[in-house]
């Protein structure tokens, strides 16, 4: 076997290459690709791995993202483990097959290398593309660093193919800040990943077989006898699979930690929250700068912690309630906007979650990092200062735009 995947070793690479190497270790049967900034180097790496014989998957160089995902649907229905990656307008172009995939209960893994959407013209990082499709029925998880990208892509295959879930998974890593950020990571041994994932068991629920013809995705619902009941049954099953993902992903993380010695919070990470009076809430690569700012504030005697959201869909409601139940105020930092609510999507979800909780606390919303702008420790210091004020009863009007004067 090629040395790239034969033994556990340390390398230096960026987030896109880490995702590609994770795919090699997961041994998919079919990979379909189309490049788009800032995802391009990811699928270029996969193409090179196939050309070099490192990855033995069937490689489909499709003419566009709609075809990318359509081809993978057919492959997945036939029992193949499948993978692709996309960004921004590419995600928009594949929207029709994208929204169809979870309804078919197809256990794909797709990396979203997140970027802001078009107009004003932008090719730089943000999370608007992923947040725009957050209600399409895909599981969504967000990574903080390059090592977490590699580990999470592998774990995503186990999550997607679990019989109690059977749904597609988006592993999101921030464009620019993780797609091109280079760091030292550890590659696990291929044999260990094989033991962790097991044999692909993708299409047991459909078993598409030319020797046993069957209809896939027939016209369902309407006013005919049993139509509505049948459609409701599909939807209820899909919702159950989504809800099951929270427990299943937690168990997968426990197993990953036991096998590989790296432990990640599967749903929500609590950082220095034990005695905190207030906290900042982060998602994605901004979390590192947020932790640095919390550490600096702690050295000044400020009782602040951090809550990192890893699993965003399904939303980890109970974990969020438990974490926020420890503090008097929270500053929620989004890298995208919710146009309906004049705030960020994460802020909106936290507000909704707390409505069902007896705990009441002050919330301050922040929006930053749009169009590739950095969210620095200095920005987070401002977040901490305003959240501390909120804990004392002086709540600023939201949202606060962090890069407005940069």
Protein backbone atom coordinates (compact mmCIF):
# COMPACT_ATOMS: atom_id res chain seq x y z
CA UNK A 1 0.00 0.00 0.00
CA UNK A 2 1.23 3.52 -0.73
CA UNK A 3 3.08 5.22 2.13
CA UNK A 4 0.57 8.09 2.09
CA UNK A 5 -1.97 5.91 3.89
CA UNK A 6 0.05 2.98 5.22
CA UNK A 7 1.04 4.14 8.70
CA UNK A 8 0.33 6.76 11.31
CA UNK A 9 2.60 9.75 10.76
CA UNK A 10 2.77 13.51 11.07
CA UNK A 11 2.67 15.85 8.08
CA UNK A 12 2.18 19.54 7.34
CA UNK A 13 -0.73 20.45 5.06
CA UNK A 14 -3.68 22.80 4.63
CA UNK A 15 -7.32 22.07 5.39
CA UNK A 16 -8.23 21.15 1.83
CA UNK A 17 -5.44 18.58 1.61
CA UNK A 18 -6.38 17.25 5.04
CA UNK A 19 -9.94 16.66 3.83
CA UNK A 20 -8.64 14.92 0.70
CA UNK A 21 -6.36 12.68 2.77
CA UNK A 22 -9.29 11.81 5.03
CA UNK A 23 -11.23 10.73 1.94
CA UNK A 24 -8.32 8.49 0.90
CA UNK A 25 -8.43 6.85 4.32
CA UNK A 26 -12.22 6.38 4.11
CA UNK A 27 -11.82 4.47 0.81
CA UNK A 28 -14.91 5.70 -1.11
CA UNK A 29 -15.95 3.83 -4.24
CA UNK A 30 -16.91 6.90 -6.28
CA UNK A 31 -15.70 10.51 -6.10
CA UNK A 32 -17.29 13.15 -8.33
CA UNK A 33 -15.60 16.53 -8.63
CA UNK A 34 -15.81 20.04 -10.03
CA UNK A 35 -13.43 22.77 -8.79
CA UNK A 36 -14.55 26.09 -7.35
CA UNK A 37 -12.75 28.60 -5.14
CA UNK A 38 -11.84 28.05 -2.30
CA UNK A 39 -12.48 24.31 -2.65
CA UNK A 40 -10.48 23.73 -5.85
CA UNK A 41 -7.26 22.39 -4.32
CA UNK A 42 -9.26 19.78 -2.42
CA UNK A 43 -10.63 18.06 -5.52
CA UNK A 44 -7.32 18.63 -7.33
CA UNK A 45 -5.63 16.65 -4.54
CA UNK A 46 -8.20 13.88 -4.91
CA UNK A 47 -7.63 13.77 -8.67
CA UNK A 48 -3.89 13.49 -8.08
CA UNK A 49 -4.37 10.72 -5.53
CA UNK A 50 -6.44 8.77 -8.06
CA UNK A 51 -3.84 9.37 -10.79
CA UNK A 52 -1.07 8.16 -8.48
CA UNK A 53 -2.99 5.05 -7.45
CA UNK A 54 -3.25 6.16 -3.83
CA UNK A 55 -7.05 6.32 -4.08
CA UNK A 56 -8.72 3.57 -6.08
CA UNK A 57 -12.11 5.26 -6.33
CA UNK A 58 -13.90 5.81 -9.63
CA UNK A 59 -13.31 9.50 -10.41
CA UNK A 60 -16.01 11.43 -12.26
CA UNK A 61 -14.91 14.78 -13.70
CA UNK A 62 -18.40 16.18 -14.20
CA UNK A 63 -19.32 19.22 -16.29
CA UNK A 64 -20.87 21.05 -13.36
CA UNK A 65 -22.01 20.70 -9.77
CA UNK A 66 -25.56 19.64 -10.67
CA UNK A 67 -24.07 16.64 -12.47
CA UNK A 68 -21.57 16.04 -9.67
CA UNK A 69 -24.26 15.32 -7.12
CA UNK A 70 -26.67 13.65 -9.57
CA UNK A 71 -23.98 11.13 -10.50
CA UNK A 72 -23.26 10.42 -6.85
CA UNK A 73 -26.95 9.81 -6.17
CA UNK A 74 -26.96 7.00 -8.70
CA UNK A 75 -23.72 5.59 -7.32
CA UNK A 76 -24.99 5.73 -3.75
CA UNK A 77 -28.27 4.05 -4.73
CA UNK A 78 -26.19 1.23 -6.21
CA UNK A 79 -24.34 0.75 -2.93
CA UNK A 80 -21.22 2.88 -3.38
CA UNK A 81 -19.58 4.92 -0.66
CA UNK A 82 -19.40 8.41 -2.20
CA UNK A 83 -17.82 11.83 -1.65
CA UNK A 84 -17.57 15.29 -3.13
CA UNK A 85 -16.85 18.86 -2.06
CA UNK A 86 -18.11 22.28 -3.13
CA UNK A 87 -18.38 25.95 -2.23
CA UNK A 88 -20.68 28.96 -2.70
CA UNK A 89 -22.08 29.17 -6.24
CA UNK A 90 -21.21 25.51 -6.81
CA UNK A 91 -23.51 24.62 -3.93
CA UNK A 92 -26.20 26.83 -5.46
CA UNK A 93 -25.83 25.10 -8.83
CA UNK A 94 -26.28 21.66 -7.26
CA UNK A 95 -29.29 22.74 -5.19
CA UNK A 96 -31.88 20.54 -6.97
CA UNK A 97 -30.07 17.23 -6.33
CA UNK A 98 -28.80 18.62 -3.01
CA UNK A 99 -32.28 19.05 -1.56
CA UNK A 100 -33.32 15.66 -2.97
CA UNK A 101 -30.50 13.71 -1.32
CA UNK A 102 -31.72 13.62 2.32
CA UNK A 103 -35.26 12.69 1.25
CA UNK A 104 -33.78 9.66 -0.50
CA UNK A 105 -31.88 8.86 2.74
CA UNK A 106 -28.56 8.68 0.90
CA UNK A 107 -25.57 8.52 3.26
CA UNK A 108 -23.14 10.75 1.38
CA UNK A 109 -20.36 12.92 2.76
CA UNK A 110 -19.83 16.32 1.15
CA UNK A 111 -17.30 18.91 2.34
CA UNK A 112 -18.52 22.50 2.21
CA UNK A 113 -15.54 24.81 2.01
CA UNK A 114 -17.55 27.79 3.09
CA UNK A 115 -17.58 31.19 1.40
CA UNK A 116 -19.82 34.19 1.14
CA UNK A 117 -22.34 34.08 -1.70
CA UNK A 118 -22.38 36.28 -4.80
CA UNK A 119 -23.30 39.97 -5.03
CA UNK A 120 -21.47 41.97 -4.09
CA UNK A 121 -18.91 39.82 -5.92
CA UNK A 122 -16.91 37.76 -3.46
CA UNK A 123 -14.77 34.63 -3.63
CA UNK A 124 -13.55 34.76 -0.03
CA UNK A 125 -14.49 32.91 3.09
CA UNK A 126 -17.67 33.26 5.11
CA UNK A 127 -20.41 30.84 6.13
CA UNK A 128 -23.32 32.26 4.17
CA UNK A 129 -23.42 29.39 1.67
CA UNK A 130 -23.68 26.66 4.30
CA UNK A 131 -26.10 28.66 6.45
CA UNK A 132 -28.34 29.26 3.44
CA UNK A 133 -28.98 25.50 3.12
CA UNK A 134 -29.19 24.74 6.84
CA UNK A 135 -32.84 23.66 6.60
CA UNK A 136 -32.47 21.24 3.68
CA UNK A 137 -32.21 18.11 5.82
CA UNK A 138 -28.44 17.59 5.72
CA UNK A 139 -26.44 17.07 8.89
CA UNK A 140 -24.03 20.00 9.29
CA UNK A 141 -20.85 20.00 11.36
CA UNK A 142 -18.22 22.76 11.58
CA UNK A 143 -14.49 22.37 12.18
CA UNK A 144 -12.13 24.59 14.17
CA UNK A 145 -8.73 23.54 12.79
CA UNK A 146 -7.02 21.39 10.15
CA UNK A 147 -6.68 18.29 12.34
CA UNK A 148 -10.39 18.44 13.14
CA UNK A 149 -11.14 18.62 9.41
CA UNK A 150 -9.32 15.36 8.77
CA UNK A 151 -10.77 13.52 11.75
CA UNK A 152 -14.32 14.77 11.19
CA UNK A 153 -14.46 13.84 7.50
CA UNK A 154 -13.61 10.25 8.46
CA UNK A 155 -16.14 10.21 11.29
CA UNK A 156 -18.79 11.65 8.97
CA UNK A 157 -18.85 8.47 6.88
CA UNK A 158 -19.60 6.41 9.97
CA UNK A 159 -22.34 8.85 10.97
CA UNK A 160 -23.97 8.99 7.54
CA UNK A 161 -24.03 5.20 7.11
CA UNK A 162 -25.34 4.40 10.60
CA UNK A 163 -28.66 2.56 10.35
CA UNK A 164 -30.31 4.90 12.84
CA UNK A 165 -29.28 7.97 10.82
CA UNK A 166 -28.85 7.25 7.11
CA UNK A 167 -28.57 10.88 6.04
CA UNK A 168 -26.03 12.96 4.10
CA UNK A 169 -23.44 14.93 6.06
CA UNK A 170 -21.83 18.27 5.29
CA UNK A 171 -18.44 18.72 6.93
CA UNK A 172 -17.94 22.49 6.83
CA UNK A 173 -14.55 24.14 7.02
CA UNK A 174 -14.04 27.86 6.52
CA UNK A 175 -12.75 29.06 3.19
CA UNK A 176 -9.36 30.85 3.36
CA UNK A 177 -8.86 30.28 7.08
CA UNK A 178 -8.95 26.48 6.93
CA UNK A 179 -8.92 25.71 3.22
CA UNK A 180 -5.47 27.32 2.85
CA UNK A 181 -4.25 27.43 6.46
CA UNK A 182 -1.25 25.12 6.89
CA UNK A 183 -0.57 23.26 10.12
CA UNK A 184 0.96 20.08 11.48
CA UNK A 185 -1.44 17.16 11.70
CA UNK A 186 -1.34 13.45 12.43
CA UNK A 187 -2.50 10.99 9.78
CA UNK A 188 -3.91 7.81 11.34
CA UNK A 189 -2.86 4.43 10.02
CA UNK A 190 -5.07 3.12 7.23
CA UNK A 191 -5.65 -0.20 9.00
CA UNK A 192 -6.95 1.64 12.08
CA UNK A 193 -9.36 3.69 9.98
CA UNK A 194 -10.52 0.50 8.24
CA UNK A 195 -11.28 -1.00 11.64
CA UNK A 196 -13.08 2.13 12.75
CA UNK A 197 -15.30 2.50 9.68
CA UNK A 198 -15.85 -1.15 8.80
CA UNK A 199 -17.12 -2.28 5.44
CA UNK A 200 -19.40 0.16 3.59
CA UNK A 201 -23.05 -0.70 4.10
CA UNK A 202 -24.67 2.05 2.11
CA UNK A 203 -27.76 0.86 0.29
CA UNK A 204 -29.26 -1.84 2.51
CA UNK A 205 -32.45 0.20 2.75
CA UNK A 206 -32.89 0.47 -1.03
CA UNK A 207 -30.80 -2.33 -2.55
CA UNK A 208 -30.96 -1.01 -6.10
CA UNK A 209 -30.16 -4.04 -8.23
CA UNK A 210 -30.73 -4.62 -11.97
CA UNK A 211 -31.77 -8.19 -11.14
CA UNK A 212 -34.47 -6.86 -8.83
CA UNK A 213 -35.97 -3.77 -10.53
CA UNK A 214 -37.74 -1.27 -8.33
CA UNK A 215 -38.94 2.33 -8.41
CA UNK A 216 -36.91 4.93 -6.56
CA UNK A 217 -38.50 8.17 -5.40
CA UNK A 218 -41.99 7.58 -6.88
CA UNK A 219 -44.57 10.36 -6.90
CA UNK A 220 -45.85 10.46 -3.32
CA UNK A 221 -48.57 12.40 -1.53
CA UNK A 222 -51.41 14.30 -3.14
CA UNK A 223 -55.09 13.63 -2.56
CA UNK A 224 -55.21 9.94 -3.46
CA UNK A 225 -55.86 7.19 -0.89
CA UNK A 226 -52.93 6.86 1.49
CA UNK A 227 -50.82 9.41 -0.34
CA UNK A 228 -50.59 11.91 2.47
CA UNK A 229 -49.98 9.20 5.06
CA UNK A 230 -47.16 7.76 3.00
CA UNK A 231 -45.49 11.14 2.64
CA UNK A 232 -45.87 11.86 6.35
CA UNK A 233 -44.23 8.51 7.08
CA UNK A 234 -41.21 9.44 4.99
CA UNK A 235 -40.88 12.82 6.67
CA UNK A 236 -41.25 11.43 10.20
CA UNK A 237 -38.58 8.86 9.49
CA UNK A 238 -36.25 11.54 8.15
CA UNK A 239 -36.79 13.71 11.23
CA UNK A 240 -36.11 10.71 13.50
CA UNK A 241 -32.87 10.04 11.66
CA UNK A 242 -31.82 13.64 12.16
CA UNK A 243 -32.62 13.52 15.87
CA UNK A 244 -30.78 10.21 16.25
CA UNK A 245 -27.64 11.80 14.79
CA UNK A 246 -26.92 13.69 18.01
CA UNK A 247 -26.50 10.53 20.10
CA UNK A 248 -24.87 8.54 17.31
CA UNK A 249 -22.29 11.26 16.60
CA UNK A 250 -21.52 11.51 20.31
CA UNK A 251 -20.87 7.75 20.45
CA UNK A 252 -18.71 7.94 17.32
CA UNK A 253 -16.56 10.65 18.93
CA UNK A 254 -16.09 8.51 22.03
CA UNK A 255 -14.93 5.60 19.90
CA UNK A 256 -12.65 7.86 17.88
CA UNK A 257 -11.00 9.14 21.06
CA UNK A 258 -10.48 5.63 22.38
CA UNK A 259 -8.96 4.37 19.12
CA UNK A 260 -6.89 7.39 18.05
CA UNK A 261 -6.25 9.37 21.24
CA UNK A 262 -7.70 12.62 19.92
CA UNK A 263 -10.82 13.81 21.67
CA UNK A 264 -13.21 16.33 20.14
CA UNK A 265 -16.49 17.64 21.51
CA UNK A 266 -19.11 16.08 19.23
CA UNK A 267 -21.87 18.66 19.73
CA UNK A 268 -20.77 21.58 21.90
CA UNK A 269 -17.39 22.26 23.51
CA UNK A 270 -17.25 24.11 26.81
CA UNK A 271 -14.00 26.02 27.25
CA UNK A 272 -13.11 27.51 30.64
CA UNK A 273 -16.80 27.61 31.48
CA UNK A 274 -16.70 26.00 34.96
CA UNK A 275 -16.79 29.25 36.97
CA UNK A 276 -17.64 31.69 34.17
CA UNK A 277 -20.11 34.51 34.67
CA UNK A 278 -20.51 35.03 30.91
CA UNK A 279 -19.45 33.33 27.69
CA UNK A 280 -18.85 33.89 24.01
CA UNK A 281 -20.39 31.45 21.51
CA UNK A 282 -18.45 30.57 18.35
CA UNK A 283 -18.66 28.31 15.31
CA UNK A 284 -15.88 27.26 12.93
CA UNK A 285 -12.32 28.52 12.62
CA UNK A 286 -12.94 31.73 14.58
CA UNK A 287 -12.89 29.60 17.73
CA UNK A 288 -9.09 29.61 18.02
CA UNK A 289 -8.91 33.40 18.23
CA UNK A 290 -11.85 33.31 20.62
CA UNK A 291 -10.02 30.92 22.96
CA UNK A 292 -6.92 33.13 22.87
CA UNK A 293 -9.02 36.13 23.85
CA UNK A 294 -10.66 34.18 26.67
CA UNK A 295 -7.24 33.11 27.98
CA UNK A 296 -6.02 36.71 27.94
CA UNK A 297 -9.17 37.90 29.72
CA UNK A 298 -8.78 35.17 32.34
CA UNK A 299 -5.25 36.42 33.05
CA UNK A 300 -6.82 39.80 33.80
CA UNK A 301 -9.20 38.16 36.25
CA UNK A 302 -12.31 38.23 34.05
CA UNK A 303 -14.63 35.25 34.49
CA UNK A 304 -15.37 34.48 30.85
CA UNK A 305 -15.68 31.18 29.00
CA UNK A 306 -16.36 29.98 25.47
CA UNK A 307 -18.97 27.70 23.92
CA UNK A 308 -18.04 26.21 20.55
CA UNK A 309 -20.80 24.76 18.40
CA UNK A 310 -19.56 21.83 16.32
CA UNK A 311 -22.80 20.11 15.30
CA UNK A 312 -25.15 22.74 13.93
CA UNK A 313 -27.78 20.57 12.24
CA UNK A 314 -29.46 18.94 14.02
CA UNK A 315 -29.15 21.75 16.51
CA UNK A 316 -27.79 20.44 19.86
CA UNK A 317 -30.52 22.04 21.92
CA UNK A 318 -29.95 20.22 25.21
CA UNK A 319 -26.18 20.74 25.10
CA UNK A 320 -26.65 24.46 24.40
CA UNK A 321 -29.14 24.81 27.26
CA UNK A 322 -26.76 23.02 29.63
CA UNK A 323 -23.83 25.23 28.66
CA UNK A 324 -25.71 28.53 28.74
CA UNK A 325 -27.32 27.56 32.04
CA UNK A 326 -23.94 28.26 33.69
CA UNK A 327 -23.69 31.94 32.73
CA UNK A 328 -25.54 35.24 33.04
CA UNK A 329 -24.87 36.51 29.52
CA UNK A 330 -23.61 35.28 26.17
CA UNK A 331 -22.09 36.99 23.16
CA UNK A 332 -22.89 35.03 20.02
CA UNK A 333 -20.56 35.52 17.07
CA UNK A 334 -21.82 34.66 13.57
CA UNK A 335 -19.94 34.61 10.27
CA UNK A 336 -23.13 35.00 8.24
CA UNK A 337 -26.47 36.78 8.45
CA UNK A 338 -30.09 35.74 8.87
CA UNK A 339 -31.96 38.19 6.70
CA UNK A 340 -35.28 37.47 8.39
CA UNK A 341 -34.15 38.34 11.91
CA UNK A 342 -31.52 41.11 11.63
CA UNK A 343 -28.99 38.86 13.33
CA UNK A 344 -26.85 35.81 12.66
CA UNK A 345 -28.29 32.31 12.20
CA UNK A 346 -26.53 30.94 15.28
CA UNK A 347 -27.90 33.82 17.34
CA UNK A 348 -31.38 33.05 16.03
CA UNK A 349 -31.07 29.36 16.98
CA UNK A 350 -29.80 30.17 20.47
CA UNK A 351 -32.72 32.54 21.06
CA UNK A 352 -35.17 29.86 19.90
CA UNK A 353 -33.53 27.26 22.14
CA UNK A 354 -33.68 29.45 25.22
CA UNK A 355 -37.38 30.10 24.67
CA UNK A 356 -37.96 26.46 25.65
CA UNK A 357 -35.64 26.75 28.66
CA UNK A 358 -36.42 28.13 32.13
CA UNK A 359 -33.02 29.80 32.17
CA UNK A 360 -32.95 33.45 31.19
CA UNK A 361 -29.82 35.35 30.27
CA UNK A 362 -28.78 38.40 28.31
CA UNK A 363 -27.74 37.80 24.70
CA UNK A 364 -25.64 40.05 22.50
CA UNK A 365 -25.25 39.25 18.80
CA UNK A 366 -22.12 39.91 16.74
CA UNK A 367 -21.52 39.48 13.01
CA UNK A 368 -17.98 39.35 11.68
CA UNK A 369 -15.64 37.67 9.25
CA UNK A 370 -17.76 38.31 6.18
CA UNK A 371 -16.10 38.15 2.74
CA UNK A 372 -12.88 36.75 4.15
CA UNK A 373 -12.37 39.41 6.82
CA UNK A 374 -10.46 38.25 9.87
CA UNK A 375 -11.97 37.95 13.33
CA UNK A 376 -8.97 38.66 15.53
CA UNK A 377 -8.32 38.38 19.24
CA UNK A 378 -8.84 42.15 19.36
CA UNK A 379 -12.31 41.72 17.88
CA UNK A 380 -13.04 39.07 20.48
CA UNK A 381 -11.83 41.38 23.22
CA UNK A 382 -14.60 43.76 22.17
CA UNK A 383 -17.06 40.84 22.21
CA UNK A 384 -15.93 39.99 25.74
CA UNK A 385 -16.22 43.58 26.95
CA UNK A 386 -19.76 44.03 25.63
CA UNK A 387 -20.84 40.62 26.92
CA UNK A 388 -19.46 41.48 30.36
CA UNK A 389 -21.54 44.67 30.27
CA UNK A 390 -24.60 42.60 29.39
CA UNK A 391 -23.96 40.35 32.38
CA UNK A 392 -24.12 43.50 34.53
CA UNK A 393 -27.44 44.51 32.93
CA UNK A 394 -26.20 46.91 30.25
CA UNK A 395 -27.22 45.05 27.08
CA UNK A 396 -26.11 46.52 23.75
CA UNK A 397 -28.46 46.51 20.79
CA UNK A 398 -27.71 43.70 18.34
CA UNK A 399 -26.27 43.00 15.89
CA UNK A 400 -22.84 44.50 16.38
CA UNK A 401 -20.83 44.41 13.13
CA UNK A 402 -17.25 43.62 14.05
CA UNK A 403 -15.49 44.56 10.81
CA UNK A 404 -17.55 47.62 9.98
CA UNK A 405 -14.65 50.05 10.47
CA UNK A 406 -11.70 47.77 9.61
